C-alpha atoms as a PDB file:
ATOM      1  CA  MET A   1     -32.307  -4.362 163.448  1.00  0.00           C
ATOM      2  CA  GLN A   2     -31.298  -7.976 164.043  1.00  0.00           C
ATOM      3  CA  THR A   3     -32.736 -10.999 162.237  1.00  0.00           C
ATOM      4  CA  ALA A   4     -32.053 -14.701 162.595  1.00  0.00           C
ATOM      5  CA  ASP A   5     -30.233 -14.724 159.243  1.00  0.00           C
ATOM      6  CA  ARG A   6     -27.727 -12.033 160.273  1.00  0.00           C
ATOM      7  CA  ARG A   7     -24.631 -12.844 162.259  1.00  0.00           C
ATOM      8  CA  PRO A   8     -25.009 -11.477 165.822  1.00  0.00           C
ATOM      9  CA  ILE A   9     -22.502  -8.596 166.088  1.00  0.00           C
ATOM     10  CA  ALA A  10     -22.606  -6.485 169.231  1.00  0.00           C
ATOM     11  CA  ALA A  11     -20.722  -3.660 167.491  1.00  0.00           C
ATOM     12  CA  ARG A  12     -23.792  -2.942 165.315  1.00  0.00           C
ATOM     13  CA  SER A  13     -25.442  -1.203 168.259  1.00  0.00           C
ATOM     14  CA  HIS A  14     -22.419   0.992 169.019  1.00  0.00           C
ATOM     15  CA  PRO A  15     -23.136   4.692 168.358  1.00  0.00           C
ATOM     16  CA  LEU A  16     -19.981   5.027 166.237  1.00  0.00           C
ATOM     17  CA  ALA A  17     -21.011   2.100 164.015  1.00  0.00           C
ATOM     18  CA  GLN A  18     -24.521   3.498 163.661  1.00  0.00           C
ATOM     19  CA  SER A  19     -23.132   6.925 162.759  1.00  0.00           C
ATOM     20  CA  MET A  20     -20.861   5.399 160.137  1.00  0.00           C
ATOM     21  CA  ALA A  21     -23.769   3.409 158.685  1.00  0.00           C
ATOM     22  CA  ALA A  22     -25.876   6.569 158.554  1.00  0.00           C
ATOM     23  CA  TRP A  23     -23.030   8.378 156.746  1.00  0.00           C
ATOM     24  CA  LEU A  24     -22.848   5.579 154.159  1.00  0.00           C
ATOM     25  CA  VAL A  25     -26.628   5.614 153.711  1.00  0.00           C
ATOM     26  CA  HIS A  26     -26.656   9.398 153.306  1.00  0.00           C
ATOM     27  CA  ARG A  27     -24.120   9.133 150.497  1.00  0.00           C
ATOM     28  CA  GLU A  28     -26.122   6.312 148.873  1.00  0.00           C
ATOM     29  CA  ILE A  29     -23.156   3.965 148.848  1.00  0.00           C
ATOM     30  CA  SER A  30     -24.340   0.553 147.678  1.00  0.00           C
ATOM     31  CA  PRO A  31     -24.127  -2.403 150.079  1.00  0.00           C
ATOM     32  CA  ASP A  32     -22.660  -4.402 147.189  1.00  0.00           C
ATOM     33  CA  THR A  33     -19.896  -1.796 146.814  1.00  0.00           C
ATOM     34  CA  ILE A  34     -19.106  -2.153 150.512  1.00  0.00           C
ATOM     35  CA  SER A  35     -19.003  -5.943 150.100  1.00  0.00           C
ATOM     36  CA  ILE A  36     -16.523  -5.634 147.219  1.00  0.00           C
ATOM     37  CA  PHE A  37     -14.398  -3.250 149.314  1.00  0.00           C
ATOM     38  CA  GLY A  38     -14.324  -5.902 152.040  1.00  0.00           C
ATOM     39  CA  LEU A  39     -13.273  -8.500 149.472  1.00  0.00           C
ATOM     40  CA  ALA A  40     -10.456  -6.226 148.269  1.00  0.00           C
ATOM     41  CA  CYS A  41      -9.234  -5.834 151.861  1.00  0.00           C
ATOM     42  CA  GLY A  42      -9.301  -9.598 152.389  1.00  0.00           C
ATOM     43  CA  VAL A  43      -7.420 -10.313 149.171  1.00  0.00           C
ATOM     44  CA  ALA A  44      -4.842  -7.619 149.960  1.00  0.00           C
ATOM     45  CA  ALA A  45      -4.350  -9.052 153.458  1.00  0.00           C
ATOM     46  CA  GLY A  46      -3.763 -12.542 152.093  1.00  0.00           C
ATOM     47  CA  LEU A  47      -1.294 -11.270 149.504  1.00  0.00           C
ATOM     48  CA  ALA A  48       0.541  -9.266 152.163  1.00  0.00           C
ATOM     49  CA  PHE A  49       0.883 -12.343 154.358  1.00  0.00           C
ATOM     50  CA  ALA A  50       2.090 -14.460 151.430  1.00  0.00           C
ATOM     51  CA  ALA A  51       4.638 -11.819 150.405  1.00  0.00           C
ATOM     52  CA  THR A  52       6.373 -12.066 153.795  1.00  0.00           C
ATOM     53  CA  ARG A  53       7.802 -15.366 152.552  1.00  0.00           C
ATOM     54  CA  TRP A  54       9.997 -13.578 150.023  1.00  0.00           C
ATOM     55  CA  THR A  55      10.550 -10.134 151.555  1.00  0.00           C
ATOM     56  CA  ASP A  56      12.768 -10.335 154.632  1.00  0.00           C
ATOM     57  CA  GLY A  57      13.379  -6.630 155.161  1.00  0.00           C
ATOM     58  CA  ALA A  58       9.745  -5.586 154.794  1.00  0.00           C
ATOM     59  CA  SER A  59       8.099  -8.609 156.404  1.00  0.00           C
ATOM     60  CA  ALA A  60       7.114  -6.698 159.571  1.00  0.00           C
ATOM     61  CA  VAL A  61       5.399  -4.023 157.462  1.00  0.00           C
ATOM     62  CA  LEU A  62       3.550  -6.677 155.463  1.00  0.00           C
ATOM     63  CA  TRP A  63       2.400  -8.539 158.578  1.00  0.00           C
ATOM     64  CA  LEU A  64       1.172  -5.265 160.048  1.00  0.00           C
ATOM     65  CA  ALA A  65      -0.601  -4.317 156.817  1.00  0.00           C
ATOM     66  CA  GLY A  66      -2.430  -7.638 156.813  1.00  0.00           C
ATOM     67  CA  ALA A  67      -3.376  -7.214 160.473  1.00  0.00           C
ATOM     68  CA  ILE A  68      -4.890  -3.790 159.679  1.00  0.00           C
ATOM     69  CA  LEU A  69      -6.693  -4.933 156.522  1.00  0.00           C
ATOM     70  CA  ILE A  70      -8.526  -7.797 158.231  1.00  0.00           C
ATOM     71  CA  PRO A  71     -10.500  -5.569 160.646  1.00  0.00           C
ATOM     72  CA  LEU A  72     -11.345  -3.343 157.668  1.00  0.00           C
ATOM     73  CA  ARG A  73     -12.675  -6.406 155.878  1.00  0.00           C
ATOM     74  CA  LEU A  74     -14.768  -7.365 158.916  1.00  0.00           C
ATOM     75  CA  ALA A  75     -16.074  -3.802 159.236  1.00  0.00           C
ATOM     76  CA  ALA A  76     -17.165  -3.897 155.589  1.00  0.00           C
ATOM     77  CA  ASN A  77     -18.902  -7.223 156.244  1.00  0.00           C
ATOM     78  CA  MET A  78     -20.857  -5.534 159.024  1.00  0.00           C
ATOM     79  CA  PHE A  79     -21.664  -2.288 157.260  1.00  0.00           C
ATOM     80  CA  ASP A  80     -22.936  -3.842 154.029  1.00  0.00           C
ATOM     81  CA  GLY A  81     -25.764  -5.492 155.938  1.00  0.00           C
ATOM     82  CA  MET A  82     -26.469  -2.432 158.070  1.00  0.00           C
ATOM     83  CA  VAL A  83     -26.697  -0.200 155.009  1.00  0.00           C
ATOM     84  CA  ALA A  84     -28.899  -2.693 153.154  1.00  0.00           C
ATOM     85  CA  VAL A  85     -31.326  -2.852 156.068  1.00  0.00           C
ATOM     86  CA  GLU A  86     -31.357   0.929 156.630  1.00  0.00           C
ATOM     87  CA  ARG A  87     -32.010   1.594 152.939  1.00  0.00           C
ATOM     88  CA  GLY A  88     -34.554  -1.208 152.698  1.00  0.00           C
ATOM     89  CA  ILE A  89     -32.817  -2.795 149.732  1.00  0.00           C
ATOM     90  CA  THR A  90     -32.079  -6.291 151.008  1.00  0.00           C
ATOM     91  CA  SER A  91     -32.345  -8.831 148.208  1.00  0.00           C
ATOM     92  CA  PRO A  92     -31.286 -12.364 147.183  1.00  0.00           C
ATOM     93  CA  VAL A  93     -28.578 -10.799 144.997  1.00  0.00           C
ATOM     94  CA  GLY A  94     -27.299  -8.990 148.064  1.00  0.00           C
ATOM     95  CA  GLU A  95     -26.962 -12.372 149.781  1.00  0.00           C
ATOM     96  CA  ILE A  96     -24.633 -13.461 146.972  1.00  0.00           C
ATOM     97  CA  TYR A  97     -22.519 -10.326 147.397  1.00  0.00           C
ATOM     98  CA  ASN A  98     -22.480 -10.932 151.138  1.00  0.00           C
ATOM     99  CA  GLU A  99     -21.548 -14.619 151.087  1.00  0.00           C
ATOM    100  CA  ILE A 100     -19.256 -15.223 148.107  1.00  0.00           C
ATOM    101  CA  PRO A 101     -16.725 -12.433 148.898  1.00  0.00           C
ATOM    102  CA  ASP A 102     -16.533 -13.801 152.451  1.00  0.00           C
ATOM    103  CA  ARG A 103     -15.569 -17.253 151.239  1.00  0.00           C
ATOM    104  CA  ILE A 104     -12.991 -15.853 148.802  1.00  0.00           C
ATOM    105  CA  SER A 105     -11.514 -13.566 151.471  1.00  0.00           C
ATOM    106  CA  ASP A 106     -11.294 -16.387 154.017  1.00  0.00           C
ATOM    107  CA  SER A 107      -9.559 -18.666 151.537  1.00  0.00           C
ATOM    108  CA  ILE A 108      -7.003 -16.128 150.310  1.00  0.00           C
ATOM    109  CA  VAL A 109      -6.162 -14.947 153.836  1.00  0.00           C
ATOM    110  CA  LEU A 110      -5.626 -18.484 155.130  1.00  0.00           C
ATOM    111  CA  ILE A 111      -3.672 -19.642 152.075  1.00  0.00           C
ATOM    112  CA  GLY A 112      -1.549 -16.488 152.409  1.00  0.00           C
ATOM    113  CA  VAL A 113      -0.774 -17.392 156.008  1.00  0.00           C
ATOM    114  CA  GLY A 114       0.107 -20.913 154.864  1.00  0.00           C
ATOM    115  CA  ILE A 115       2.566 -19.542 152.310  1.00  0.00           C
ATOM    116  CA  ALA A 116       4.053 -17.285 154.987  1.00  0.00           C
ATOM    117  CA  GLY A 117       4.632 -20.340 157.174  1.00  0.00           C
ATOM    118  CA  GLY A 118       6.165 -22.332 154.317  1.00  0.00           C
ATOM    119  CA  ASP A 119       3.219 -24.713 153.830  1.00  0.00           C
ATOM    120  CA  TRP A 120       0.578 -23.509 151.373  1.00  0.00           C
ATOM    121  CA  GLY A 121      -1.142 -26.903 151.644  1.00  0.00           C
ATOM    122  CA  LEU A 122      -1.809 -26.298 155.325  1.00  0.00           C
ATOM    123  CA  GLY A 123      -3.280 -22.923 154.408  1.00  0.00           C
ATOM    124  CA  ALA A 124      -5.461 -24.561 151.759  1.00  0.00           C
ATOM    125  CA  SER A 125      -6.644 -27.117 154.330  1.00  0.00           C
ATOM    126  CA  ALA A 126      -7.569 -24.317 156.724  1.00  0.00           C
ATOM    127  CA  ALA A 127      -9.396 -22.529 153.895  1.00  0.00           C
ATOM    128  CA  LEU A 128     -11.349 -25.690 153.067  1.00  0.00           C
ATOM    129  CA  ALA A 129     -12.268 -26.143 156.740  1.00  0.00           C
ATOM    130  CA  ALA A 130     -13.402 -22.503 156.964  1.00  0.00           C
ATOM    131  CA  VAL A 131     -15.572 -22.823 153.853  1.00  0.00           C
ATOM    132  CA  ALA A 132     -17.049 -26.026 155.276  1.00  0.00           C
ATOM    133  CA  THR A 133     -18.266 -24.195 158.389  1.00  0.00           C
ATOM    134  CA  ALA A 134     -20.170 -21.761 156.152  1.00  0.00           C
ATOM    135  CA  TYR A 135     -21.465 -24.608 153.999  1.00  0.00           C
ATOM    136  CA  VAL A 136     -22.946 -26.356 157.027  1.00  0.00           C
ATOM    137  CA  ARG A 137     -24.728 -23.145 158.015  1.00  0.00           C
ATOM    138  CA  ALA A 138     -26.042 -22.645 154.476  1.00  0.00           C
ATOM    139  CA  ALA A 139     -27.127 -26.292 154.182  1.00  0.00           C
ATOM    140  CA  GLY A 140     -28.974 -26.040 157.474  1.00  0.00           C
ATOM    141  CA  LYS A 141     -30.795 -22.922 156.311  1.00  0.00           C
ATOM    142  CA  ALA A 142     -31.661 -24.555 152.974  1.00  0.00           C
ATOM    143  CA  ALA A 143     -33.111 -27.528 154.871  1.00  0.00           C
ATOM    144  CA  GLY A 144     -35.445 -25.170 156.706  1.00  0.00           C
ATOM    145  CA  GLY A 145     -33.441 -24.749 159.881  1.00  0.00           C
ATOM    146  CA  PRO A 146     -32.032 -21.622 161.492  1.00  0.00           C
ATOM    147  CA  SER A 147     -28.804 -19.941 160.387  1.00  0.00           C
ATOM    148  CA  ASP A 148     -26.270 -21.177 162.933  1.00  0.00           C
ATOM    149  CA  PHE A 149     -23.319 -18.824 163.430  1.00  0.00           C
ATOM    150  CA  SER A 150     -21.908 -20.628 166.481  1.00  0.00           C
ATOM    151  CA  GLY A 151     -18.194 -21.174 167.088  1.00  0.00           C
ATOM    152  CA  PRO A 152     -15.732 -21.787 168.530  1.00  0.00           C
ATOM    153  CA  MET A 153     -14.041 -21.062 165.185  1.00  0.00           C
ATOM    154  CA  ALA A 154     -16.554 -19.014 163.208  1.00  0.00           C
ATOM    155  CA  LYS A 155     -15.361 -16.202 160.937  1.00  0.00           C
ATOM    156  CA  PRO A 156     -14.879 -13.577 163.700  1.00  0.00           C
ATOM    157  CA  GLN A 157     -12.780 -15.985 165.793  1.00  0.00           C
ATOM    158  CA  ARG A 158     -10.702 -17.073 162.780  1.00  0.00           C
ATOM    159  CA  MET A 159      -9.987 -13.521 161.744  1.00  0.00           C
ATOM    160  CA  LEU A 160      -9.239 -12.421 165.323  1.00  0.00           C
ATOM    161  CA  LEU A 161      -6.658 -15.196 165.555  1.00  0.00           C
ATOM    162  CA  ILE A 162      -5.088 -14.240 162.220  1.00  0.00           C
ATOM    163  CA  THR A 163      -5.060 -10.546 163.178  1.00  0.00           C
ATOM    164  CA  ALA A 164      -3.275 -11.432 166.433  1.00  0.00           C
ATOM    165  CA  LEU A 165      -0.783 -13.492 164.393  1.00  0.00           C
ATOM    166  CA  GLY A 166      -0.139 -10.528 162.110  1.00  0.00           C
ATOM    167  CA  LEU A 167       0.420  -8.135 165.010  1.00  0.00           C
ATOM    168  CA  TRP A 168       2.680 -10.553 166.856  1.00  0.00           C
ATOM    169  CA  SER A 169       4.740 -11.341 163.747  1.00  0.00           C
ATOM    170  CA  ALA A 170       5.097  -7.622 163.004  1.00  0.00           C
ATOM    171  CA  LEU A 171       5.910  -6.340 166.477  1.00  0.00           C
ATOM    172  CA  ALA A 172       7.480  -9.152 168.513  1.00  0.00           C
ATOM    173  CA  PRO A 173      11.280  -9.596 168.421  1.00  0.00           C
ATOM    174  CA  GLN A 174      12.595 -12.378 166.213  1.00  0.00           C
ATOM    175  CA  GLY A 175      13.641 -14.374 169.261  1.00  0.00           C
ATOM    176  CA  TRP A 176      10.042 -14.442 170.443  1.00  0.00           C
ATOM    177  CA  GLN A 177       8.753 -16.142 167.288  1.00  0.00           C
ATOM    178  CA  PRO A 178       7.980 -19.703 168.451  1.00  0.00           C
ATOM    179  CA  VAL A 179       8.797 -22.863 166.514  1.00  0.00           C
ATOM    180  CA  MET A 180       7.281 -26.186 167.598  1.00  0.00           C
ATOM    181  CA  ALA A 181       8.025 -29.553 166.009  1.00  0.00           C
ATOM    182  CA  GLY A 182       9.654 -27.693 163.153  1.00  0.00           C
ATOM    183  CA  LEU A 183       6.542 -25.597 162.520  1.00  0.00           C
ATOM    184  CA  ALA A 184       6.653 -21.790 162.555  1.00  0.00           C
ATOM    185  CA  LEU A 185       3.969 -19.714 164.265  1.00  0.00           C
ATOM    186  CA  PRO A 186       1.816 -19.226 161.105  1.00  0.00           C
ATOM    187  CA  SER A 187       1.588 -22.997 160.638  1.00  0.00           C
ATOM    188  CA  LEU A 188       0.772 -23.543 164.311  1.00  0.00           C
ATOM    189  CA  VAL A 189      -2.029 -20.966 164.099  1.00  0.00           C
ATOM    190  CA  LEU A 190      -3.442 -22.677 161.007  1.00  0.00           C
ATOM    191  CA  ILE A 191      -3.520 -25.999 162.842  1.00  0.00           C
ATOM    192  CA  VAL A 192      -5.528 -24.325 165.616  1.00  0.00           C
ATOM    193  CA  VAL A 193      -7.897 -22.912 162.960  1.00  0.00           C
ATOM    194  CA  ILE A 194      -8.376 -26.329 161.360  1.00  0.00           C
ATOM    195  CA  ILE A 195      -9.077 -28.074 164.672  1.00  0.00           C
ATOM    196  CA  GLY A 196     -11.404 -25.257 165.725  1.00  0.00           C
ATOM    197  CA  CYS A 197     -13.283 -25.459 162.420  1.00  0.00           C
ATOM    198  CA  ILE A 198     -13.757 -29.213 162.799  1.00  0.00           C
ATOM    199  CA  VAL A 199     -15.225 -28.651 166.269  1.00  0.00           C
ATOM    200  CA  THR A 200     -17.397 -25.848 164.877  1.00  0.00           C
ATOM    201  CA  ILE A 201     -18.705 -28.007 162.031  1.00  0.00           C
ATOM    202  CA  SER A 202     -19.594 -30.786 164.456  1.00  0.00           C
ATOM    203  CA  ARG A 203     -21.318 -28.390 166.835  1.00  0.00           C
ATOM    204  CA  ARG A 204     -23.314 -26.674 164.090  1.00  0.00           C
ATOM    205  CA  LEU A 205     -24.452 -30.002 162.656  1.00  0.00           C
ATOM    206  CA  ARG A 206     -25.710 -31.118 166.063  1.00  0.00           C
ATOM    207  CA  ARG A 207     -27.474 -27.803 166.718  1.00  0.00           C
ATOM    208  CA  ILE A 208     -29.079 -27.620 163.261  1.00  0.00           C
ATOM    209  CA  ALA A 209     -30.190 -31.250 163.363  1.00  0.00           C
ATOM    210  CA  GLY A 210     -31.706 -30.703 166.795  1.00  0.00           C
ATOM    211  CA  ALA A 211     -33.554 -27.587 165.615  1.00  0.00           C
ATOM    212  CA  LEU A 212     -34.922 -29.416 162.569  1.00  0.00           C
ATOM    213  CA  ARG A 213     -36.153 -32.291 164.734  1.00  0.00           C
ATOM    214  CA  ARG A 214     -37.934 -29.797 166.986  1.00  0.00           C
ATOM    215  CA  GLY A 215     -39.453 -28.092 163.946  1.00  0.00           C
ATOM    216  CA  GLU A 216     -37.599 -24.804 164.500  1.00  0.00           C
ATOM    217  CA  GLY A 217     -37.365 -23.022 161.156  1.00  0.00           C
ATOM    218  CA  ALA A 218     -35.284 -20.096 160.016  1.00  0.00           C
END
């Protein structure tokens, strides 16, 4: 089932995803519990990235751990909604469990990457930009417009980029780690995230404003 207020995710229709959702429903696992599991994965990923700053010998393991935890977080973000819909227990409280952990996870992951690159402020700026994209969507919905999940730097794109960073930092030889204008790869990726979020915010504002003018509600 797909509604206008749910992020379009093609993987929901995959037989494996549907089987996993059915397994969770059968065991009566709460959607809120799945949301908290996703939050734990996001926090752990951010801490793993940050820890690479002080752990030279284990940095590859930490980057890889973060790169594995992020897809787990995204999977939890998908399954909590699927389980809620299948069990017929969607609620306003569920929206809180769905949204707030996402914002916390985004922020900790991006700040962790900033610490890894030696600039926590850049990570905090990326976190603020990421939260702003969600705020624009929420503000548009509150104004009576549709929920706009468009990119180019929505949550899935941000996390895909950070996952790729984690894999590259873990597996690529040290000589292949680029530095540009004195900035290491984590900082360069964060700059891309920030610019992408600014473009995303602008695009969502235009789309939401246009929908409201045309009288298209949520």
